[in-house]
Amino acid sequence: MVKTVRIAFFEIKEWEKDYLQEKMKKHDLKFIKEPLNIENVDKIQKYDVISVFIYSKITKEVLDLCPNLKLIATRSTGFDHIDVIDCNKREITVSNVPYYGENTIAEHTFGLILSLTRNIHKSYLRTLRNDFSIKGLKGFDLKGKTIGVVGAGHIGLHVIRVAKAFGMKVLAYDIKQDSFLAEVLGFEYVPFKDILEKSDIITLHVPYNKSTHHLINKENVRMIKKGAILINTARGGVVDTEAIIEAIDEKILSGVGLDVLEGEELLLEETRLVYDPENLENLANLVKDQILLSKDNVVFTPHIAFYSQEALERILDTTTENILAFISGGSQNIVN
């Protein structure tokens, strides 16, 4: 018989409580709306398991105050918000949700692409001013254009499938290559340099770590094909914001579509963007002064590429399975 385990969930919405309680009836569950941090860690000092999202910062200082902790189940693919090295020293297991949004994020990626290539964002802003002219709104077809996919993992491969449906030529860069998939899906693996130089659209789908920090930077941004579009639905730190501003100003990039921002956690910790809709006005005031977001050829969405009902349910399902597997003595989606 499985013993009752104390499990604390952070960054939780009301509907998620009901969903999780139904799946984990036998355990002692605690739900906290805010991210876990040094100020509220005292609420879960005796808990065995915690589940967090990306705005909870699991630092050494937080771990010092969780002597009973045995498992951290992050409800995200990335785990750069968790000090995994320190968890290893304390023999705390860390699990993630590796697959949940392949189609969700790929669909959002093309939402950003189409907003730029067909000037949907500009058109909408213009009509708000009762201006219905089409001057300066001429777009371009995706058919026949080259898209460079940086990171051909589960999400990147779904982007490739969608791109092929649009009739695009696809180049991909990844440290791991699957020649069979490349042949079946009809794309070509190339060096990163070729992605920059030959792509009409560059889209990023890599995890954030030391090797991908500022993958797009001031040194290589000038290699990008003049007039290209850059899309980032990965992590903000993959792109050097200053480099992108310069590339737009110098007309190297004709447009940028972002679902993530470098340093966005500084904004989101205050505004609770994803979980507190009533604070969206505060977010708008904070980002209004951001140079990048003030440009009319930049389309920004507030980290919602993953944010569909189906994807959220897949996240909770996998997180629940991760936790229950651990409690039963097994392992699933362990990252350390």
C-alpha atoms as a PDB file:
ATOM      1  CA  MET A   1       0.000   0.000   0.000  1.00  0.00           C
ATOM      2  CA  VAL A   2       1.354   3.433  -1.013  1.00  0.00           C
ATOM      3  CA  LYS A   3       1.780   5.766   1.930  1.00  0.00           C
ATOM      4  CA  THR A   4       0.286   9.253   1.974  1.00  0.00           C
ATOM      5  CA  VAL A   5       2.821  11.827   0.793  1.00  0.00           C
ATOM      6  CA  ARG A   6       2.769  15.593   1.350  1.00  0.00           C
ATOM      7  CA  ILE A   7       2.912  17.368  -2.007  1.00  0.00           C
ATOM      8  CA  ALA A   8       2.928  21.135  -2.538  1.00  0.00           C
ATOM      9  CA  PHE A   9       2.013  22.693  -5.893  1.00  0.00           C
ATOM     10  CA  PHE A  10       3.106  26.239  -6.667  1.00  0.00           C
ATOM     11  CA  GLU A  11       1.864  28.596  -9.419  1.00  0.00           C
ATOM     12  CA  ILE A  12      -1.512  26.869  -9.543  1.00  0.00           C
ATOM     13  CA  LYS A  13      -4.839  28.110 -10.904  1.00  0.00           C
ATOM     14  CA  GLU A  14      -8.236  27.161  -9.495  1.00  0.00           C
ATOM     15  CA  TRP A  15      -9.186  24.713 -12.247  1.00  0.00           C
ATOM     16  CA  GLU A  16      -5.847  22.942 -11.833  1.00  0.00           C
ATOM     17  CA  LYS A  17      -6.595  22.252  -8.150  1.00  0.00           C
ATOM     18  CA  ASP A  18      -9.688  20.240  -9.017  1.00  0.00           C
ATOM     19  CA  TYR A  19      -7.874  18.410 -11.798  1.00  0.00           C
ATOM     20  CA  LEU A  20      -4.975  17.406  -9.540  1.00  0.00           C
ATOM     21  CA  GLN A  21      -7.126  16.506  -6.536  1.00  0.00           C
ATOM     22  CA  GLU A  22      -9.094  14.087  -8.673  1.00  0.00           C
ATOM     23  CA  LYS A  23      -5.911  12.358  -9.830  1.00  0.00           C
ATOM     24  CA  MET A  24      -4.113  12.286  -6.478  1.00  0.00           C
ATOM     25  CA  LYS A  25      -6.881  11.650  -3.946  1.00  0.00           C
ATOM     26  CA  LYS A  26      -4.754   9.518  -1.634  1.00  0.00           C
ATOM     27  CA  HIS A  27      -2.165  12.196  -0.927  1.00  0.00           C
ATOM     28  CA  ASP A  28      -1.957  15.375   1.160  1.00  0.00           C
ATOM     29  CA  LEU A  29      -1.977  18.194  -1.386  1.00  0.00           C
ATOM     30  CA  LYS A  30      -1.241  21.870  -0.781  1.00  0.00           C
ATOM     31  CA  PHE A  31      -1.852  24.511  -3.471  1.00  0.00           C
ATOM     32  CA  ILE A  32      -0.130  27.891  -3.545  1.00  0.00           C
ATOM     33  CA  LYS A  33      -0.884  30.501  -6.174  1.00  0.00           C
ATOM     34  CA  GLU A  34       2.485  32.251  -6.036  1.00  0.00           C
ATOM     35  CA  PRO A  35       5.876  30.974  -7.212  1.00  0.00           C
ATOM     36  CA  LEU A  36       8.092  29.323  -4.620  1.00  0.00           C
ATOM     37  CA  ASN A  37      10.757  31.669  -3.294  1.00  0.00           C
ATOM     38  CA  ILE A  38      12.736  32.408  -0.170  1.00  0.00           C
ATOM     39  CA  GLU A  39       9.848  34.418   1.309  1.00  0.00           C
ATOM     40  CA  ASN A  40       7.238  31.643   1.222  1.00  0.00           C
ATOM     41  CA  VAL A  41       9.372  28.502   1.481  1.00  0.00           C
ATOM     42  CA  ASP A  42       8.461  28.214   5.169  1.00  0.00           C
ATOM     43  CA  LYS A  43       5.007  26.982   4.073  1.00  0.00           C
ATOM     44  CA  ILE A  44       6.434  23.708   2.744  1.00  0.00           C
ATOM     45  CA  GLN A  45       9.438  22.947   4.949  1.00  0.00           C
ATOM     46  CA  LYS A  46       8.026  19.538   5.937  1.00  0.00           C
ATOM     47  CA  TYR A  47       6.883  18.514   2.461  1.00  0.00           C
ATOM     48  CA  ASP A  48       8.324  15.539   0.593  1.00  0.00           C
ATOM     49  CA  VAL A  49       7.455  16.630  -2.941  1.00  0.00           C
ATOM     50  CA  ILE A  50       6.991  20.002  -4.609  1.00  0.00           C
ATOM     51  CA  SER A  51       5.793  20.851  -8.089  1.00  0.00           C
ATOM     52  CA  VAL A  52       6.648  24.217  -9.632  1.00  0.00           C
ATOM     53  CA  PHE A  53       6.509  26.129 -12.888  1.00  0.00           C
ATOM     54  CA  ILE A  54       9.246  28.290 -14.436  1.00  0.00           C
ATOM     55  CA  TYR A  55       8.849  31.367 -12.210  1.00  0.00           C
ATOM     56  CA  SER A  56       9.754  29.481  -9.034  1.00  0.00           C
ATOM     57  CA  LYS A  57      13.480  29.863  -8.415  1.00  0.00           C
ATOM     58  CA  ILE A  58      14.785  26.772  -6.630  1.00  0.00           C
ATOM     59  CA  THR A  59      18.098  28.050  -5.314  1.00  0.00           C
ATOM     60  CA  LYS A  60      20.511  26.647  -2.755  1.00  0.00           C
ATOM     61  CA  GLU A  61      19.000  29.036  -0.190  1.00  0.00           C
ATOM     62  CA  VAL A  62      15.501  27.663  -0.835  1.00  0.00           C
ATOM     63  CA  LEU A  63      16.739  24.077  -0.682  1.00  0.00           C
ATOM     64  CA  ASP A  64      18.466  24.767   2.637  1.00  0.00           C
ATOM     65  CA  LEU A  65      15.010  25.330   4.123  1.00  0.00           C
ATOM     66  CA  CYS A  66      13.475  22.120   2.718  1.00  0.00           C
ATOM     67  CA  PRO A  67      15.141  19.319   4.719  1.00  0.00           C
ATOM     68  CA  ASN A  68      12.473  16.711   3.878  1.00  0.00           C
ATOM     69  CA  LEU A  69      12.370  17.371   0.146  1.00  0.00           C
ATOM     70  CA  LYS A  70      12.878  14.312  -2.065  1.00  0.00           C
ATOM     71  CA  LEU A  71      11.368  15.282  -5.422  1.00  0.00           C
ATOM     72  CA  ILE A  72      10.958  18.491  -7.429  1.00  0.00           C
ATOM     73  CA  ALA A  73       8.522  17.982 -10.312  1.00  0.00           C
ATOM     74  CA  THR A  74       8.690  20.976 -12.621  1.00  0.00           C
ATOM     75  CA  ARG A  75       5.715  21.411 -14.927  1.00  0.00           C
ATOM     76  CA  SER A  76       7.928  22.541 -17.782  1.00  0.00           C
ATOM     77  CA  THR A  77      10.399  21.101 -20.245  1.00  0.00           C
ATOM     78  CA  GLY A  78      13.192  23.452 -19.209  1.00  0.00           C
ATOM     79  CA  PHE A  79      14.660  23.236 -15.716  1.00  0.00           C
ATOM     80  CA  ASP A  80      17.131  26.134 -15.663  1.00  0.00           C
ATOM     81  CA  HIS A  81      15.083  27.638 -12.787  1.00  0.00           C
ATOM     82  CA  ILE A  82      16.242  24.780 -10.543  1.00  0.00           C
ATOM     83  CA  ASP A  83      19.723  24.384  -9.069  1.00  0.00           C
ATOM     84  CA  VAL A  84      20.083  20.800 -10.278  1.00  0.00           C
ATOM     85  CA  ILE A  85      23.709  20.532  -9.126  1.00  0.00           C
ATOM     86  CA  ASP A  86      22.731  21.321  -5.557  1.00  0.00           C
ATOM     87  CA  CYS A  87      19.795  18.909  -5.829  1.00  0.00           C
ATOM     88  CA  ASN A  88      22.245  16.175  -6.801  1.00  0.00           C
ATOM     89  CA  LYS A  89      24.339  16.877  -3.710  1.00  0.00           C
ATOM     90  CA  ARG A  90      21.229  16.564  -1.536  1.00  0.00           C
ATOM     91  CA  GLU A  91      19.943  13.497  -3.433  1.00  0.00           C
ATOM     92  CA  ILE A  92      16.805  15.346  -4.462  1.00  0.00           C
ATOM     93  CA  THR A  93      15.302  13.982  -7.672  1.00  0.00           C
ATOM     94  CA  VAL A  94      14.177  16.439 -10.368  1.00  0.00           C
ATOM     95  CA  SER A  95      11.637  15.535 -13.056  1.00  0.00           C
ATOM     96  CA  ASN A  96      10.261  17.518 -15.969  1.00  0.00           C
ATOM     97  CA  VAL A  97       7.620  17.367 -18.707  1.00  0.00           C
ATOM     98  CA  PRO A  98       9.660  16.715 -21.855  1.00  0.00           C
ATOM     99  CA  TYR A  99       6.784  16.501 -24.324  1.00  0.00           C
ATOM    100  CA  TYR A 100       3.509  18.359 -24.120  1.00  0.00           C
ATOM    101  CA  GLY A 101       3.485  21.208 -26.601  1.00  0.00           C
ATOM    102  CA  GLU A 102       4.970  20.007 -29.867  1.00  0.00           C
ATOM    103  CA  ASN A 103       1.936  21.009 -31.920  1.00  0.00           C
ATOM    104  CA  THR A 104       0.886  23.791 -29.531  1.00  0.00           C
ATOM    105  CA  ILE A 105       4.162  25.706 -29.767  1.00  0.00           C
ATOM    106  CA  ALA A 106       4.581  24.943 -33.457  1.00  0.00           C
ATOM    107  CA  GLU A 107       1.127  26.402 -34.159  1.00  0.00           C
ATOM    108  CA  HIS A 108       1.966  29.507 -32.145  1.00  0.00           C
ATOM    109  CA  THR A 109       5.258  29.829 -34.016  1.00  0.00           C
ATOM    110  CA  PHE A 110       3.385  30.084 -37.288  1.00  0.00           C
ATOM    111  CA  GLY A 111       0.945  32.516 -35.697  1.00  0.00           C
ATOM    112  CA  LEU A 112       3.893  34.820 -35.070  1.00  0.00           C
ATOM    113  CA  ILE A 113       5.316  34.178 -38.529  1.00  0.00           C
ATOM    114  CA  LEU A 114       2.042  35.015 -40.283  1.00  0.00           C
ATOM    115  CA  SER A 115       1.534  38.111 -38.123  1.00  0.00           C
ATOM    116  CA  LEU A 116       4.801  39.403 -39.579  1.00  0.00           C
ATOM    117  CA  THR A 117       4.776  38.071 -43.140  1.00  0.00           C
ATOM    118  CA  ARG A 118       1.199  39.276 -43.756  1.00  0.00           C
ATOM    119  CA  ASN A 119       1.382  42.383 -41.535  1.00  0.00           C
ATOM    120  CA  ILE A 120      -1.584  41.262 -39.433  1.00  0.00           C
ATOM    121  CA  HIS A 121      -0.274  43.047 -36.339  1.00  0.00           C
ATOM    122  CA  LYS A 122       0.383  46.298 -38.199  1.00  0.00           C
ATOM    123  CA  SER A 123      -3.024  46.120 -39.886  1.00  0.00           C
ATOM    124  CA  TYR A 124      -4.824  45.671 -36.594  1.00  0.00           C
ATOM    125  CA  LEU A 125      -3.054  48.622 -34.978  1.00  0.00           C
ATOM    126  CA  ARG A 126      -3.835  50.752 -38.032  1.00  0.00           C
ATOM    127  CA  THR A 127      -7.554  49.932 -37.986  1.00  0.00           C
ATOM    128  CA  LEU A 128      -7.730  50.921 -34.319  1.00  0.00           C
ATOM    129  CA  ARG A 129      -6.896  54.419 -35.549  1.00  0.00           C
ATOM    130  CA  ASN A 130      -9.677  54.203 -38.156  1.00  0.00           C
ATOM    131  CA  ASP A 131      -7.037  53.980 -40.865  1.00  0.00           C
ATOM    132  CA  PHE A 132      -8.019  51.373 -43.440  1.00  0.00           C
ATOM    133  CA  SER A 133      -5.375  52.085 -46.067  1.00  0.00           C
ATOM    134  CA  ILE A 134      -3.155  49.257 -47.295  1.00  0.00           C
ATOM    135  CA  LYS A 135      -0.071  51.303 -48.015  1.00  0.00           C
ATOM    136  CA  GLY A 136       3.001  49.623 -46.498  1.00  0.00           C
ATOM    137  CA  LEU A 137       1.119  46.418 -45.689  1.00  0.00           C
ATOM    138  CA  LYS A 138       2.251  44.283 -48.620  1.00  0.00           C
ATOM    139  CA  GLY A 139       3.347  40.911 -47.316  1.00  0.00           C
ATOM    140  CA  PHE A 140       5.016  37.883 -48.856  1.00  0.00           C
ATOM    141  CA  ASP A 141       4.128  34.233 -49.422  1.00  0.00           C
ATOM    142  CA  LEU A 142       5.638  31.466 -47.329  1.00  0.00           C
ATOM    143  CA  LYS A 143       5.531  29.082 -50.270  1.00  0.00           C
ATOM    144  CA  GLY A 144       8.984  28.756 -51.777  1.00  0.00           C
ATOM    145  CA  LYS A 145      10.718  30.577 -48.913  1.00  0.00           C
ATOM    146  CA  THR A 146      13.433  29.014 -46.750  1.00  0.00           C
ATOM    147  CA  ILE A 147      12.858  28.510 -43.041  1.00  0.00           C
ATOM    148  CA  GLY A 148      15.800  27.710 -40.773  1.00  0.00           C
ATOM    149  CA  VAL A 149      14.813  25.627 -37.752  1.00  0.00           C
ATOM    150  CA  VAL A 150      17.350  25.831 -34.927  1.00  0.00           C
ATOM    151  CA  GLY A 151      16.735  22.806 -32.741  1.00  0.00           C
ATOM    152  CA  ALA A 152      15.089  19.904 -34.534  1.00  0.00           C
ATOM    153  CA  GLY A 153      13.734  18.122 -31.493  1.00  0.00           C
ATOM    154  CA  HIS A 154      10.081  17.308 -30.871  1.00  0.00           C
ATOM    155  CA  ILE A 155       8.889  20.897 -31.291  1.00  0.00           C
ATOM    156  CA  GLY A 156      11.275  21.686 -34.130  1.00  0.00           C
ATOM    157  CA  LEU A 157      10.180  18.615 -36.069  1.00  0.00           C
ATOM    158  CA  HIS A 158       6.543  19.659 -35.771  1.00  0.00           C
ATOM    159  CA  VAL A 159       7.500  23.118 -37.054  1.00  0.00           C
ATOM    160  CA  ILE A 160       9.166  21.393 -39.997  1.00  0.00           C
ATOM    161  CA  ARG A 161       6.002  19.427 -40.783  1.00  0.00           C
ATOM    162  CA  VAL A 162       3.922  22.605 -40.775  1.00  0.00           C
ATOM    163  CA  ALA A 163       6.496  24.435 -42.885  1.00  0.00           C
ATOM    164  CA  LYS A 164       6.436  21.680 -45.497  1.00  0.00           C
ATOM    165  CA  ALA A 165       2.646  21.985 -45.640  1.00  0.00           C
ATOM    166  CA  PHE A 166       3.150  25.656 -46.559  1.00  0.00           C
ATOM    167  CA  GLY A 167       5.472  24.569 -49.365  1.00  0.00           C
ATOM    168  CA  MET A 168       8.615  25.928 -47.735  1.00  0.00           C
ATOM    169  CA  LYS A 169      12.192  24.771 -48.100  1.00  0.00           C
ATOM    170  CA  VAL A 170      13.470  23.670 -44.690  1.00  0.00           C
ATOM    171  CA  LEU A 171      17.003  23.836 -43.295  1.00  0.00           C
ATOM    172  CA  ALA A 172      17.673  22.537 -39.786  1.00  0.00           C
ATOM    173  CA  TYR A 173      20.494  22.806 -37.295  1.00  0.00           C
ATOM    174  CA  ASP A 174      20.818  20.398 -34.382  1.00  0.00           C
ATOM    175  CA  ILE A 175      23.700  18.783 -32.510  1.00  0.00           C
ATOM    176  CA  LYS A 176      21.874  15.455 -32.970  1.00  0.00           C
ATOM    177  CA  GLN A 177      20.913  14.508 -36.506  1.00  0.00           C
ATOM    178  CA  ASP A 178      18.490  11.904 -37.801  1.00  0.00           C
ATOM    179  CA  SER A 179      19.121  11.339 -41.509  1.00  0.00           C
ATOM    180  CA  PHE A 180      16.102   9.037 -41.800  1.00  0.00           C
ATOM    181  CA  LEU A 181      13.712  11.734 -40.519  1.00  0.00           C
ATOM    182  CA  ALA A 182      15.386  14.315 -42.730  1.00  0.00           C
ATOM    183  CA  GLU A 183      14.688  12.159 -45.762  1.00  0.00           C
ATOM    184  CA  VAL A 184      11.127  11.309 -44.755  1.00  0.00           C
ATOM    185  CA  LEU A 185      10.147  14.896 -43.878  1.00  0.00           C
ATOM    186  CA  GLY A 186      12.153  16.458 -46.684  1.00  0.00           C
ATOM    187  CA  PHE A 187      14.547  18.800 -44.904  1.00  0.00           C
ATOM    188  CA  GLU A 188      18.305  19.289 -44.834  1.00  0.00           C
ATOM    189  CA  TYR A 189      20.678  19.499 -41.874  1.00  0.00           C
ATOM    190  CA  VAL A 190      23.165  22.340 -42.288  1.00  0.00           C
ATOM    191  CA  PRO A 191      25.731  24.185 -40.109  1.00  0.00           C
ATOM    192  CA  PHE A 192      24.417  27.025 -37.945  1.00  0.00           C
ATOM    193  CA  LYS A 193      26.214  29.526 -40.178  1.00  0.00           C
ATOM    194  CA  ASP A 194      24.128  28.371 -43.144  1.00  0.00           C
ATOM    195  CA  ILE A 195      20.914  28.823 -41.171  1.00  0.00           C
ATOM    196  CA  LEU A 196      21.806  32.467 -40.614  1.00  0.00           C
ATOM    197  CA  GLU A 197      22.985  33.164 -44.145  1.00  0.00           C
ATOM    198  CA  LYS A 198      20.319  31.314 -46.153  1.00  0.00           C
ATOM    199  CA  SER A 199      17.048  31.497 -44.189  1.00  0.00           C
ATOM    200  CA  ASP A 200      14.209  33.896 -44.923  1.00  0.00           C
ATOM    201  CA  ILE A 201      12.778  32.958 -41.531  1.00  0.00           C
ATOM    202  CA  ILE A 202      14.797  31.713 -38.547  1.00  0.00           C
ATOM    203  CA  THR A 203      12.922  30.035 -35.700  1.00  0.00           C
ATOM    204  CA  LEU A 204      14.502  28.945 -32.404  1.00  0.00           C
ATOM    205  CA  HIS A 205      13.530  25.746 -30.576  1.00  0.00           C
ATOM    206  CA  VAL A 206      16.438  24.967 -28.267  1.00  0.00           C
ATOM    207  CA  PRO A 207      16.665  24.589 -24.475  1.00  0.00           C
ATOM    208  CA  TYR A 208      18.352  27.356 -22.504  1.00  0.00           C
ATOM    209  CA  ASN A 209      21.748  26.442 -21.077  1.00  0.00           C
ATOM    210  CA  LYS A 210      25.355  27.648 -21.140  1.00  0.00           C
ATOM    211  CA  SER A 211      25.878  26.557 -24.732  1.00  0.00           C
ATOM    212  CA  THR A 212      22.715  28.265 -26.017  1.00  0.00           C
ATOM    213  CA  HIS A 213      23.037  31.505 -24.034  1.00  0.00           C
ATOM    214  CA  HIS A 214      22.984  34.351 -26.595  1.00  0.00           C
ATOM    215  CA  LEU A 215      23.022  31.870 -29.457  1.00  0.00           C
ATOM    216  CA  ILE A 216      21.991  34.858 -31.550  1.00  0.00           C
ATOM    217  CA  ASN A 217      24.435  37.620 -30.615  1.00  0.00           C
ATOM    218  CA  LYS A 218      26.166  40.771 -31.825  1.00  0.00           C
ATOM    219  CA  GLU A 219      28.899  38.782 -33.557  1.00  0.00           C
ATOM    220  CA  ASN A 220      26.723  36.489 -35.659  1.00  0.00           C
ATOM    221  CA  VAL A 221      23.605  38.602 -36.141  1.00  0.00           C
ATOM    222  CA  ARG A 222      25.326  40.352 -39.046  1.00  0.00           C
ATOM    223  CA  MET A 223      25.545  37.023 -40.828  1.00  0.00           C
ATOM    224  CA  ILE A 224      21.754  36.830 -41.057  1.00  0.00           C
ATOM    225  CA  LYS A 225      20.306  37.144 -44.538  1.00  0.00           C
ATOM    226  CA  LYS A 226      19.223  40.755 -45.050  1.00  0.00           C
ATOM    227  CA  GLY A 227      15.491  41.150 -44.565  1.00  0.00           C
ATOM    228  CA  ALA A 228      15.003  37.871 -42.686  1.00  0.00           C
ATOM    229  CA  ILE A 229      12.520  37.329 -39.848  1.00  0.00           C
ATOM    230  CA  LEU A 230      13.521  35.918 -36.446  1.00  0.00           C
ATOM    231  CA  ILE A 231      11.114  33.957 -34.238  1.00  0.00           C
ATOM    232  CA  ASN A 232      11.857  32.968 -30.628  1.00  0.00           C
ATOM    233  CA  THR A 233       9.442  30.753 -28.706  1.00  0.00           C
ATOM    234  CA  ALA A 234      12.238  29.010 -26.767  1.00  0.00           C
ATOM    235  CA  ARG A 235      13.789  31.038 -23.932  1.00  0.00           C
ATOM    236  CA  GLY A 236      14.580  34.746 -23.784  1.00  0.00           C
ATOM    237  CA  GLY A 237      18.256  34.215 -22.980  1.00  0.00           C
ATOM    238  CA  VAL A 238      18.860  32.410 -26.268  1.00  0.00           C
ATOM    239  CA  VAL A 239      18.834  35.831 -27.934  1.00  0.00           C
ATOM    240  CA  ASP A 240      20.932  38.895 -27.084  1.00  0.00           C
ATOM    241  CA  THR A 241      18.305  41.648 -26.987  1.00  0.00           C
ATOM    242  CA  GLU A 242      20.769  44.421 -27.848  1.00  0.00           C
ATOM    243  CA  ALA A 243      21.922  42.516 -30.908  1.00  0.00           C
ATOM    244  CA  ILE A 244      18.339  42.165 -32.142  1.00  0.00           C
ATOM    245  CA  ILE A 245      17.626  45.869 -31.650  1.00  0.00           C
ATOM    246  CA  GLU A 246      20.717  46.725 -33.704  1.00  0.00           C
ATOM    247  CA  ALA A 247      19.733  44.214 -36.397  1.00  0.00           C
ATOM    248  CA  ILE A 248      16.286  45.784 -36.716  1.00  0.00           C
ATOM    249  CA  ASP A 249      17.660  49.334 -36.757  1.00  0.00           C
ATOM    250  CA  GLU A 250      20.174  48.391 -39.453  1.00  0.00           C
ATOM    251  CA  LYS A 251      17.456  46.555 -41.433  1.00  0.00           C
ATOM    252  CA  ILE A 252      19.223  43.205 -41.211  1.00  0.00           C
ATOM    253  CA  LEU A 253      16.016  41.835 -39.708  1.00  0.00           C
ATOM    254  CA  SER A 254      12.729  42.939 -41.237  1.00  0.00           C
ATOM    255  CA  GLY A 255      10.703  41.554 -38.352  1.00  0.00           C
ATOM    256  CA  VAL A 256      10.934  39.738 -35.036  1.00  0.00           C
ATOM    257  CA  GLY A 257       8.316  37.522 -33.384  1.00  0.00           C
ATOM    258  CA  LEU A 258       8.830  36.831 -29.691  1.00  0.00           C
ATOM    259  CA  ASP A 259       6.985  34.769 -27.121  1.00  0.00           C
ATOM    260  CA  VAL A 260       9.831  35.145 -24.628  1.00  0.00           C
ATOM    261  CA  LEU A 261      12.024  38.022 -23.492  1.00  0.00           C
ATOM    262  CA  GLU A 262      15.484  38.091 -21.988  1.00  0.00           C
ATOM    263  CA  GLY A 263      14.990  38.842 -18.299  1.00  0.00           C
ATOM    264  CA  GLU A 264      11.225  38.403 -18.524  1.00  0.00           C
ATOM    265  CA  GLU A 265      11.132  36.837 -15.072  1.00  0.00           C
ATOM    266  CA  LEU A 266      11.844  40.277 -13.590  1.00  0.00           C
ATOM    267  CA  LEU A 267       8.606  41.486 -15.116  1.00  0.00           C
ATOM    268  CA  LEU A 268       6.578  38.376 -14.425  1.00  0.00           C
ATOM    269  CA  GLU A 269       7.476  38.065 -10.770  1.00  0.00           C
ATOM    270  CA  GLU A 270       5.709  41.360 -10.195  1.00  0.00           C
ATOM    271  CA  THR A 271       2.821  41.043 -12.600  1.00  0.00           C
ATOM    272  CA  ARG A 272       2.067  37.327 -12.444  1.00  0.00           C
ATOM    273  CA  LEU A 273       1.451  37.493 -16.149  1.00  0.00           C
ATOM    274  CA  VAL A 274       0.219  34.016 -16.909  1.00  0.00           C
ATOM    275  CA  TYR A 275      -1.809  33.469 -13.777  1.00  0.00           C
ATOM    276  CA  ASP A 276      -3.231  36.861 -12.787  1.00  0.00           C
ATOM    277  CA  PRO A 277      -5.105  38.402 -15.712  1.00  0.00           C
ATOM    278  CA  GLU A 278      -6.110  41.394 -13.596  1.00  0.00           C
ATOM    279  CA  ASN A 279      -2.473  42.503 -13.573  1.00  0.00           C
ATOM    280  CA  LEU A 280      -2.021  42.612 -17.329  1.00  0.00           C
ATOM    281  CA  GLU A 281      -2.319  46.394 -17.269  1.00  0.00           C
ATOM    282  CA  ASN A 282       0.694  46.564 -14.963  1.00  0.00           C
ATOM    283  CA  LEU A 283       2.626  44.388 -17.377  1.00  0.00           C
ATOM    284  CA  ALA A 284       1.693  46.671 -20.267  1.00  0.00           C
ATOM    285  CA  ASN A 285       3.013  49.679 -18.362  1.00  0.00           C
ATOM    286  CA  LEU A 286       6.242  47.865 -17.571  1.00  0.00           C
ATOM    287  CA  VAL A 287       6.980  46.738 -21.114  1.00  0.00           C
ATOM    288  CA  LYS A 288       5.875  49.958 -22.793  1.00  0.00           C
ATOM    289  CA  ASP A 289       9.301  51.464 -22.303  1.00  0.00           C
ATOM    290  CA  GLN A 290      11.125  48.472 -23.691  1.00  0.00           C
ATOM    291  CA  ILE A 291      12.889  49.615 -26.832  1.00  0.00           C
ATOM    292  CA  LEU A 292      12.449  46.314 -28.611  1.00  0.00           C
ATOM    293  CA  LEU A 293       8.726  46.018 -28.014  1.00  0.00           C
ATOM    294  CA  SER A 294       8.072  49.570 -29.142  1.00  0.00           C
ATOM    295  CA  LYS A 295       9.017  48.759 -32.736  1.00  0.00           C
ATOM    296  CA  ASP A 296       6.149  48.149 -35.123  1.00  0.00           C
ATOM    297  CA  ASN A 297       7.902  45.228 -36.803  1.00  0.00           C
ATOM    298  CA  VAL A 298       8.178  43.344 -33.509  1.00  0.00           C
ATOM    299  CA  VAL A 299       5.301  41.094 -32.459  1.00  0.00           C
ATOM    300  CA  PHE A 300       5.320  39.988 -28.820  1.00  0.00           C
ATOM    301  CA  THR A 301       3.136  37.507 -26.979  1.00  0.00           C
ATOM    302  CA  PRO A 302       3.575  37.072 -23.207  1.00  0.00           C
ATOM    303  CA  HIS A 303       4.998  33.544 -22.996  1.00  0.00           C
ATOM    304  CA  ILE A 304       1.809  31.828 -24.135  1.00  0.00           C
ATOM    305  CA  ALA A 305       3.110  29.558 -26.908  1.00  0.00           C
ATOM    306  CA  PHE A 306       2.483  26.600 -24.588  1.00  0.00           C
ATOM    307  CA  TYR A 307      -0.792  28.000 -23.272  1.00  0.00           C
ATOM    308  CA  SER A 308      -3.626  25.918 -24.705  1.00  0.00           C
ATOM    309  CA  GLN A 309      -6.123  23.945 -22.645  1.00  0.00           C
ATOM    310  CA  GLU A 310      -4.973  20.664 -24.159  1.00  0.00           C
ATOM    311  CA  ALA A 311      -1.303  21.374 -23.503  1.00  0.00           C
ATOM    312  CA  LEU A 312      -1.994  22.426 -19.910  1.00  0.00           C
ATOM    313  CA  GLU A 313      -3.847  19.178 -19.278  1.00  0.00           C
ATOM    314  CA  ARG A 314      -0.983  17.193 -20.806  1.00  0.00           C
ATOM    315  CA  ILE A 315       1.403  19.014 -18.455  1.00  0.00           C
ATOM    316  CA  LEU A 316      -0.676  18.095 -15.403  1.00  0.00           C
ATOM    317  CA  ASP A 317      -1.109  14.493 -16.567  1.00  0.00           C
ATOM    318  CA  THR A 318       2.631  13.999 -17.049  1.00  0.00           C
ATOM    319  CA  THR A 319       3.486  15.767 -13.783  1.00  0.00           C
ATOM    320  CA  THR A 320       1.050  13.539 -11.907  1.00  0.00           C
ATOM    321  CA  GLU A 321       2.538  10.443 -13.542  1.00  0.00           C
ATOM    322  CA  ASN A 322       6.052  11.621 -12.649  1.00  0.00           C
ATOM    323  CA  ILE A 323       5.130  12.100  -9.002  1.00  0.00           C
ATOM    324  CA  LEU A 324       3.182   8.852  -8.631  1.00  0.00           C
ATOM    325  CA  ALA A 325       5.970   6.884 -10.316  1.00  0.00           C
ATOM    326  CA  PHE A 326       8.489   8.346  -7.847  1.00  0.00           C
ATOM    327  CA  ILE A 327       6.264   7.620  -4.851  1.00  0.00           C
ATOM    328  CA  SER A 328       5.901   4.004  -6.033  1.00  0.00           C
ATOM    329  CA  GLY A 329       9.670   3.618  -6.215  1.00  0.00           C
ATOM    330  CA  GLY A 330       9.972   4.009  -9.960  1.00  0.00           C
ATOM    331  CA  SER A 331      11.230   6.828 -12.126  1.00  0.00           C
ATOM    332  CA  GLN A 332       9.876   8.820 -15.039  1.00  0.00           C
ATOM    333  CA  ASN A 333      11.257  11.856 -16.874  1.00  0.00           C
ATOM    334  CA  ILE A 334      14.137  12.287 -14.432  1.00  0.00           C
ATOM    335  CA  VAL A 335      16.611  14.989 -15.485  1.00  0.00           C
ATOM    336  CA  ASN A 336      19.334  14.433 -12.863  1.00  0.00           C
END
